Amino acid sequence: MSTSAYASVCSSKQVVTDKCTIFKNDASLNRKINKFIGDMHSSCNKHDRAYNTLGADRGAADRRLQRDLRKDCLDNPFTMGACLPVVELAMAFVRSSGKELYLARQNEMLQHVKGVNSKMAADQCVATPEHQGYIDDALLSHINSKFKAIVSRPPTAYERYEMLSRYVPGQGIQGSTFNNSLTSYAYNRRGINAPVITSISRYESVFPDVTYTWNPSILNKNYLQYDWSTTHTWGNQNAPKLEINFGNQFDMNANVSGFLKVKRSRDERDVFFFSHRFTARGSCSPSPDQFCTVLQPGP
């Protein structure tokens, strides 16, 4: 029997956003910006999340903060004139003092990624960068393309975490230490035809019963063990496809989420998360107030 999909999922890092408190060490600036603080909390929180996103470009995050804070000022015509100069003071503070905070947050996220990588290697839990969040899209694209160019296939979730754990925040995506390590790792993976789950699709059949089937698209799929872990325990959780019959007489809102883990050996495995919300068709009629008609196969 399946367990809940969330029982074996690696814990995500809780990112703390603390509004505009980066200025707390400057009492004068803090007093000035507090006059407009209610308008700026959302913008500062977005900036916090950017600093916590592994591989995020600090300069781009700071420029986005400046645009957002200026817009916050312009949205309030009564305080706009006094607000804009304070934004420029705040941005000067960010540019001069933000690097230390940025690197601290990047290293905190890197330590979390390394922890996830170790737990996945030991089969203690599963994760993907997309499901965990706070990994920059450009960083993911970089490791994916570099790996594929050398190995001639996309990396698995396990391989992506191994590569992400080698990131060097002080150097950035194009850093030589990071890229040399990626190249070395990818060459060591050549010839290993690990299975790669690229997508999971869902389709419906209505005869003899209304059944929903989840079908994975997998590269290198020979001789695999399948482990579906979902929010529902119906169906064979160890089959290549997951089939669920809800047994509902009338249409109902359904939400099936979880992950599929496939494995050929300890060195050849992948995991893929999915979440599908849809209307599960009733076997009788759309609703109780309509005439019941048992669904029949089409021509």
Protein backbone atom coordinates (compact mmCIF):
# COMPACT_ATOMS: atom_id res chain seq x y z
CA MET A 1 0.00 0.00 0.00
CA SER A 2 1.20 3.50 -0.78
CA THR A 3 1.99 6.04 1.86
CA SER A 4 1.26 9.72 1.47
CA ALA A 5 3.44 11.36 -1.13
CA TYR A 6 4.67 13.77 1.49
CA ALA A 7 5.94 11.14 3.95
CA SER A 8 9.16 10.51 2.00
CA VAL A 9 9.75 13.96 0.55
CA CYS A 10 12.89 15.83 1.61
CA SER A 11 12.10 18.86 3.76
CA SER A 12 12.19 22.22 2.00
CA LYS A 13 14.16 25.12 3.43
CA GLN A 14 11.96 27.69 5.09
CA VAL A 15 12.97 31.08 3.73
CA VAL A 16 12.40 33.95 6.15
CA THR A 17 11.36 37.31 4.73
CA ASP A 18 11.76 40.19 7.18
CA LYS A 19 10.38 43.13 5.23
CA CYS A 20 12.79 46.07 4.97
CA THR A 21 14.91 45.32 8.03
CA ILE A 22 18.15 45.36 6.01
CA PHE A 23 18.29 48.99 7.09
CA LYS A 24 18.00 48.24 10.82
CA ASN A 25 21.70 49.02 11.38
CA ASP A 26 21.24 52.54 10.06
CA ALA A 27 18.93 54.27 12.55
CA SER A 28 18.59 57.46 10.50
CA LEU A 29 17.69 55.67 7.28
CA ASN A 30 15.41 53.31 9.15
CA ARG A 31 13.42 56.24 10.57
CA LYS A 32 13.06 57.77 7.13
CA ILE A 33 11.97 54.61 5.36
CA ASN A 34 9.57 53.70 8.16
CA LYS A 35 7.39 56.60 7.04
CA PHE A 36 6.63 54.63 3.89
CA ILE A 37 7.27 51.12 5.19
CA GLY A 38 3.73 49.86 4.64
CA ASP A 39 4.06 50.46 0.92
CA MET A 40 7.45 48.76 0.66
CA HIS A 41 7.19 45.51 2.63
CA SER A 42 6.15 43.42 -0.37
CA SER A 43 9.03 44.71 -2.50
CA CYS A 44 11.59 44.05 0.23
CA ASN A 45 10.22 40.53 0.78
CA LYS A 46 10.65 39.75 -2.93
CA HIS A 47 14.24 40.95 -2.63
CA ASP A 48 14.76 38.64 0.36
CA ARG A 49 13.48 35.68 -1.65
CA ALA A 50 15.82 36.54 -4.52
CA TYR A 51 18.86 36.62 -2.22
CA ASN A 52 17.81 33.20 -0.90
CA THR A 53 17.50 31.68 -4.39
CA LEU A 54 20.63 29.68 -5.18
CA GLY A 55 22.37 31.09 -8.24
CA ALA A 56 20.30 34.29 -8.36
CA ASP A 57 22.12 37.28 -9.81
CA ARG A 58 22.60 39.84 -7.04
CA GLY A 59 22.79 42.81 -9.41
CA ALA A 60 19.51 41.84 -11.09
CA ALA A 61 17.84 41.40 -7.69
CA ASP A 62 19.00 44.84 -6.54
CA ARG A 63 17.86 46.53 -9.77
CA ARG A 64 14.46 44.87 -9.45
CA LEU A 65 14.21 46.09 -5.85
CA GLN A 66 14.97 49.64 -6.96
CA ARG A 67 12.28 49.50 -9.68
CA ASP A 68 9.75 48.06 -7.23
CA LEU A 69 10.47 50.63 -4.51
CA ARG A 70 10.21 53.49 -6.99
CA LYS A 71 6.86 52.12 -8.15
CA ASP A 72 5.74 51.89 -4.52
CA CYS A 73 6.49 55.59 -4.18
CA LEU A 74 4.75 56.56 -7.42
CA ASP A 75 1.64 54.64 -6.40
CA ASN A 76 1.08 57.11 -3.56
CA PRO A 77 0.99 60.66 -5.00
CA PHE A 78 0.62 62.22 -1.53
CA THR A 79 4.06 61.05 -0.35
CA MET A 80 5.79 60.54 -3.70
CA GLY A 81 8.01 63.61 -3.47
CA ALA A 82 9.43 62.68 -0.08
CA CYS A 83 9.50 58.95 -0.78
CA LEU A 84 11.69 58.85 -3.91
CA PRO A 85 14.80 60.40 -2.29
CA VAL A 86 14.54 57.85 0.54
CA VAL A 87 14.52 55.04 -2.02
CA GLU A 88 17.78 56.32 -3.47
CA LEU A 89 19.31 56.42 0.02
CA ALA A 90 18.08 52.88 0.66
CA MET A 91 19.53 51.60 -2.62
CA ALA A 92 22.89 53.19 -1.88
CA PHE A 93 22.85 51.25 1.39
CA VAL A 94 21.94 48.00 -0.41
CA ARG A 95 24.71 48.43 -2.98
CA SER A 96 27.34 49.13 -0.32
CA SER A 97 26.26 46.62 2.33
CA GLY A 98 24.23 43.96 0.52
CA LYS A 99 27.03 41.69 -0.70
CA GLU A 100 27.74 40.19 2.71
CA LEU A 101 24.05 39.42 3.27
CA TYR A 102 23.67 38.01 -0.26
CA LEU A 103 26.60 35.60 0.15
CA ALA A 104 25.37 34.53 3.59
CA ARG A 105 21.93 33.65 2.19
CA GLN A 106 23.46 31.89 -0.84
CA ASN A 107 25.67 29.75 1.38
CA GLU A 108 22.75 28.88 3.65
CA MET A 109 20.79 27.62 0.65
CA LEU A 110 23.84 25.76 -0.67
CA GLN A 111 24.17 23.92 2.65
CA HIS A 112 20.51 22.94 2.40
CA VAL A 113 21.03 21.65 -1.15
CA LYS A 114 24.04 19.62 -0.01
CA GLY A 115 21.94 18.14 2.78
CA VAL A 116 19.20 17.14 0.35
CA ASN A 117 21.81 15.62 -1.97
CA SER A 118 23.24 13.50 0.87
CA LYS A 119 19.80 12.28 1.95
CA MET A 120 18.80 11.41 -1.61
CA ALA A 121 22.06 9.52 -2.13
CA ALA A 122 21.26 7.50 1.01
CA ASP A 123 17.66 6.86 -0.16
CA GLN A 124 16.26 8.69 2.87
CA CYS A 125 13.94 10.98 0.89
CA VAL A 126 13.24 12.30 -2.61
CA ALA A 127 13.24 15.78 -4.12
CA THR A 128 13.54 17.73 -7.33
CA PRO A 129 14.82 21.31 -7.60
CA GLU A 130 11.46 22.40 -9.04
CA HIS A 131 9.50 20.89 -6.15
CA GLN A 132 11.87 22.29 -3.51
CA GLY A 133 12.05 25.76 -5.06
CA TYR A 134 14.60 28.55 -4.54
CA ILE A 135 16.94 27.36 -7.30
CA ASP A 136 17.50 29.94 -10.04
CA ASP A 137 16.18 28.96 -13.48
CA ALA A 138 19.40 30.09 -15.17
CA LEU A 139 21.46 27.86 -12.86
CA LEU A 140 19.25 24.85 -13.59
CA SER A 141 19.39 25.52 -17.33
CA HIS A 142 23.18 25.78 -17.15
CA ILE A 143 23.75 22.44 -15.42
CA ASN A 144 21.17 20.70 -17.61
CA SER A 145 22.71 21.88 -20.88
CA LYS A 146 26.30 21.26 -19.77
CA PHE A 147 25.48 17.72 -18.63
CA LYS A 148 23.49 16.89 -21.78
CA ALA A 149 26.28 18.16 -24.05
CA ILE A 150 28.70 15.66 -22.50
CA VAL A 151 26.48 12.69 -21.59
CA SER A 152 23.99 12.98 -24.50
CA ARG A 153 20.93 12.75 -22.25
CA PRO A 154 19.25 14.99 -19.66
CA PRO A 155 20.33 14.58 -16.03
CA THR A 156 18.14 12.84 -13.46
CA ALA A 157 16.98 14.62 -10.31
CA TYR A 158 19.73 12.80 -8.41
CA GLU A 159 22.38 13.99 -10.85
CA ARG A 160 21.08 17.55 -10.77
CA TYR A 161 21.35 17.69 -7.00
CA GLU A 162 24.89 16.35 -7.14
CA MET A 163 25.80 19.12 -9.60
CA LEU A 164 23.98 21.83 -7.63
CA SER A 165 25.89 20.84 -4.49
CA ARG A 166 29.11 21.85 -6.30
CA TYR A 167 27.99 25.45 -6.85
CA VAL A 168 30.32 28.21 -5.58
CA PRO A 169 28.26 31.32 -4.63
CA GLY A 170 31.19 33.73 -4.71
CA GLN A 171 31.96 32.81 -8.34
CA GLY A 172 28.48 32.53 -9.82
CA ILE A 173 27.19 30.35 -12.66
CA GLN A 174 30.21 30.96 -14.91
CA GLY A 175 32.78 30.38 -12.16
CA SER A 176 35.72 28.21 -13.21
CA THR A 177 35.77 26.03 -10.08
CA PHE A 178 32.08 25.21 -10.44
CA ASN A 179 32.23 24.54 -14.18
CA ASN A 180 35.38 22.41 -13.97
CA SER A 181 33.64 20.31 -11.33
CA LEU A 182 30.52 19.98 -13.51
CA THR A 183 32.60 18.86 -16.47
CA SER A 184 34.46 16.27 -14.42
CA TYR A 185 31.24 14.89 -12.95
CA ALA A 186 29.50 14.70 -16.34
CA TYR A 187 32.40 12.81 -17.94
CA ASN A 188 32.26 10.30 -15.09
CA ARG A 189 28.56 9.73 -15.88
CA ARG A 190 29.11 8.95 -19.56
CA GLY A 191 27.96 5.46 -20.43
CA ILE A 192 25.51 5.30 -17.50
CA ASN A 193 22.07 5.05 -19.10
CA ALA A 194 20.08 6.21 -16.13
CA PRO A 195 16.29 6.46 -16.58
CA VAL A 196 15.01 10.02 -16.98
CA ILE A 197 11.34 10.82 -16.39
CA THR A 198 10.46 13.68 -18.75
CA SER A 199 6.71 13.99 -18.11
CA ILE A 200 3.61 12.30 -16.69
CA SER A 201 0.34 12.52 -18.61
CA ARG A 202 -3.19 11.61 -17.52
CA TYR A 203 -5.97 10.15 -19.63
CA GLU A 204 -9.51 8.91 -19.05
CA SER A 205 -11.35 5.75 -20.11
CA VAL A 206 -15.08 5.26 -19.47
CA PHE A 207 -15.74 1.56 -20.11
CA PRO A 208 -16.42 -0.66 -18.30
CA ASP A 209 -15.79 1.87 -15.49
CA VAL A 210 -14.54 5.44 -15.39
CA THR A 211 -10.80 5.01 -14.86
CA TYR A 212 -7.95 7.51 -14.86
CA THR A 213 -4.47 6.46 -15.91
CA TRP A 214 -1.18 8.26 -15.27
CA ASN A 215 1.40 7.36 -17.89
CA PRO A 216 5.06 8.44 -17.53
CA SER A 217 7.33 9.27 -20.44
CA ILE A 218 10.76 7.83 -19.59
CA LEU A 219 14.08 7.71 -21.40
CA ASN A 220 16.05 4.46 -20.93
CA LYS A 221 13.07 2.68 -19.35
CA ASN A 222 14.08 -0.99 -19.59
CA TYR A 223 14.11 -3.18 -16.45
CA LEU A 224 12.84 -0.55 -14.03
CA GLN A 225 11.22 -0.77 -10.62
CA TYR A 226 8.29 1.65 -10.24
CA ASP A 227 7.15 3.31 -7.04
CA TRP A 228 4.13 5.61 -7.22
CA SER A 229 3.58 7.54 -4.00
CA THR A 230 0.38 9.58 -4.14
CA THR A 231 -2.36 11.16 -2.08
CA HIS A 232 -4.53 8.13 -2.95
CA THR A 233 -3.89 4.47 -2.21
CA TRP A 234 -6.03 2.99 -4.99
CA GLY A 235 -4.45 1.12 -7.86
CA ASN A 236 -1.21 -0.80 -8.23
CA GLN A 237 1.47 1.54 -6.89
CA ASN A 238 4.31 -0.55 -8.36
CA ALA A 239 3.12 -0.80 -11.98
CA PRO A 240 4.54 1.13 -14.96
CA LYS A 241 1.23 3.04 -15.11
CA LEU A 242 -0.95 4.24 -12.25
CA GLU A 243 -4.69 3.54 -12.63
CA ILE A 244 -7.32 4.99 -10.30
CA ASN A 245 -11.07 4.36 -10.27
CA PHE A 246 -12.65 6.78 -7.79
CA GLY A 247 -15.93 4.84 -7.77
CA ASN A 248 -17.95 8.06 -7.79
CA GLN A 249 -21.50 8.07 -9.17
CA PHE A 250 -21.48 11.80 -9.88
CA ASP A 251 -18.88 14.31 -11.06
CA MET A 252 -16.44 15.33 -8.34
CA ASN A 253 -13.39 17.52 -7.93
CA ALA A 254 -10.27 15.36 -7.80
CA ASN A 255 -6.73 16.21 -6.75
CA VAL A 256 -4.05 13.58 -7.27
CA SER A 257 -0.51 14.61 -6.40
CA GLY A 258 2.67 12.85 -5.47
CA PHE A 259 5.75 11.48 -7.17
CA LEU A 260 6.99 8.58 -9.25
CA LYS A 261 10.35 7.07 -8.43
CA VAL A 262 11.98 4.67 -10.88
CA LYS A 263 15.07 2.61 -10.24
CA ARG A 264 17.23 0.10 -12.07
CA SER A 265 20.14 0.22 -9.65
CA ARG A 266 21.45 2.56 -6.97
CA ASP A 267 23.32 4.43 -9.70
CA GLU A 268 20.36 4.53 -12.11
CA ARG A 269 17.25 6.17 -10.67
CA ASP A 270 15.07 9.22 -11.06
CA VAL A 271 12.07 10.90 -9.44
CA PHE A 272 9.36 13.15 -10.84
CA PHE A 273 6.67 15.11 -8.97
CA PHE A 274 3.20 15.73 -10.37
CA SER A 275 -0.03 17.38 -9.26
CA HIS A 276 -3.28 17.11 -11.22
CA ARG A 277 -6.56 18.82 -10.33
CA PHE A 278 -9.50 17.85 -12.52
CA THR A 279 -13.18 16.89 -12.58
CA ALA A 280 -13.54 13.13 -12.21
CA ARG A 281 -16.50 12.04 -14.28
CA GLY A 282 -19.31 10.25 -12.45
CA SER A 283 -20.31 6.76 -13.57
CA CYS A 284 -24.00 7.69 -13.30
CA SER A 285 -24.47 11.37 -14.23
CA PRO A 286 -22.81 14.76 -13.68
CA SER A 287 -24.97 15.54 -10.62
CA PRO A 288 -27.61 13.86 -8.41
CA ASP A 289 -30.42 16.00 -9.86
CA GLN A 290 -29.92 14.58 -13.36
CA PHE A 291 -31.20 11.31 -14.80
CA CYS A 292 -28.73 8.47 -14.19
CA THR A 293 -27.28 6.98 -17.36
CA VAL A 294 -24.58 4.34 -17.18
CA LEU A 295 -21.72 5.37 -19.47
CA GLN A 296 -21.34 3.23 -22.58
CA PRO A 297 -18.36 2.79 -24.89
CA GLY A 298 -18.22 4.97 -27.97
CA PRO A 299 -18.69 3.67 -31.53
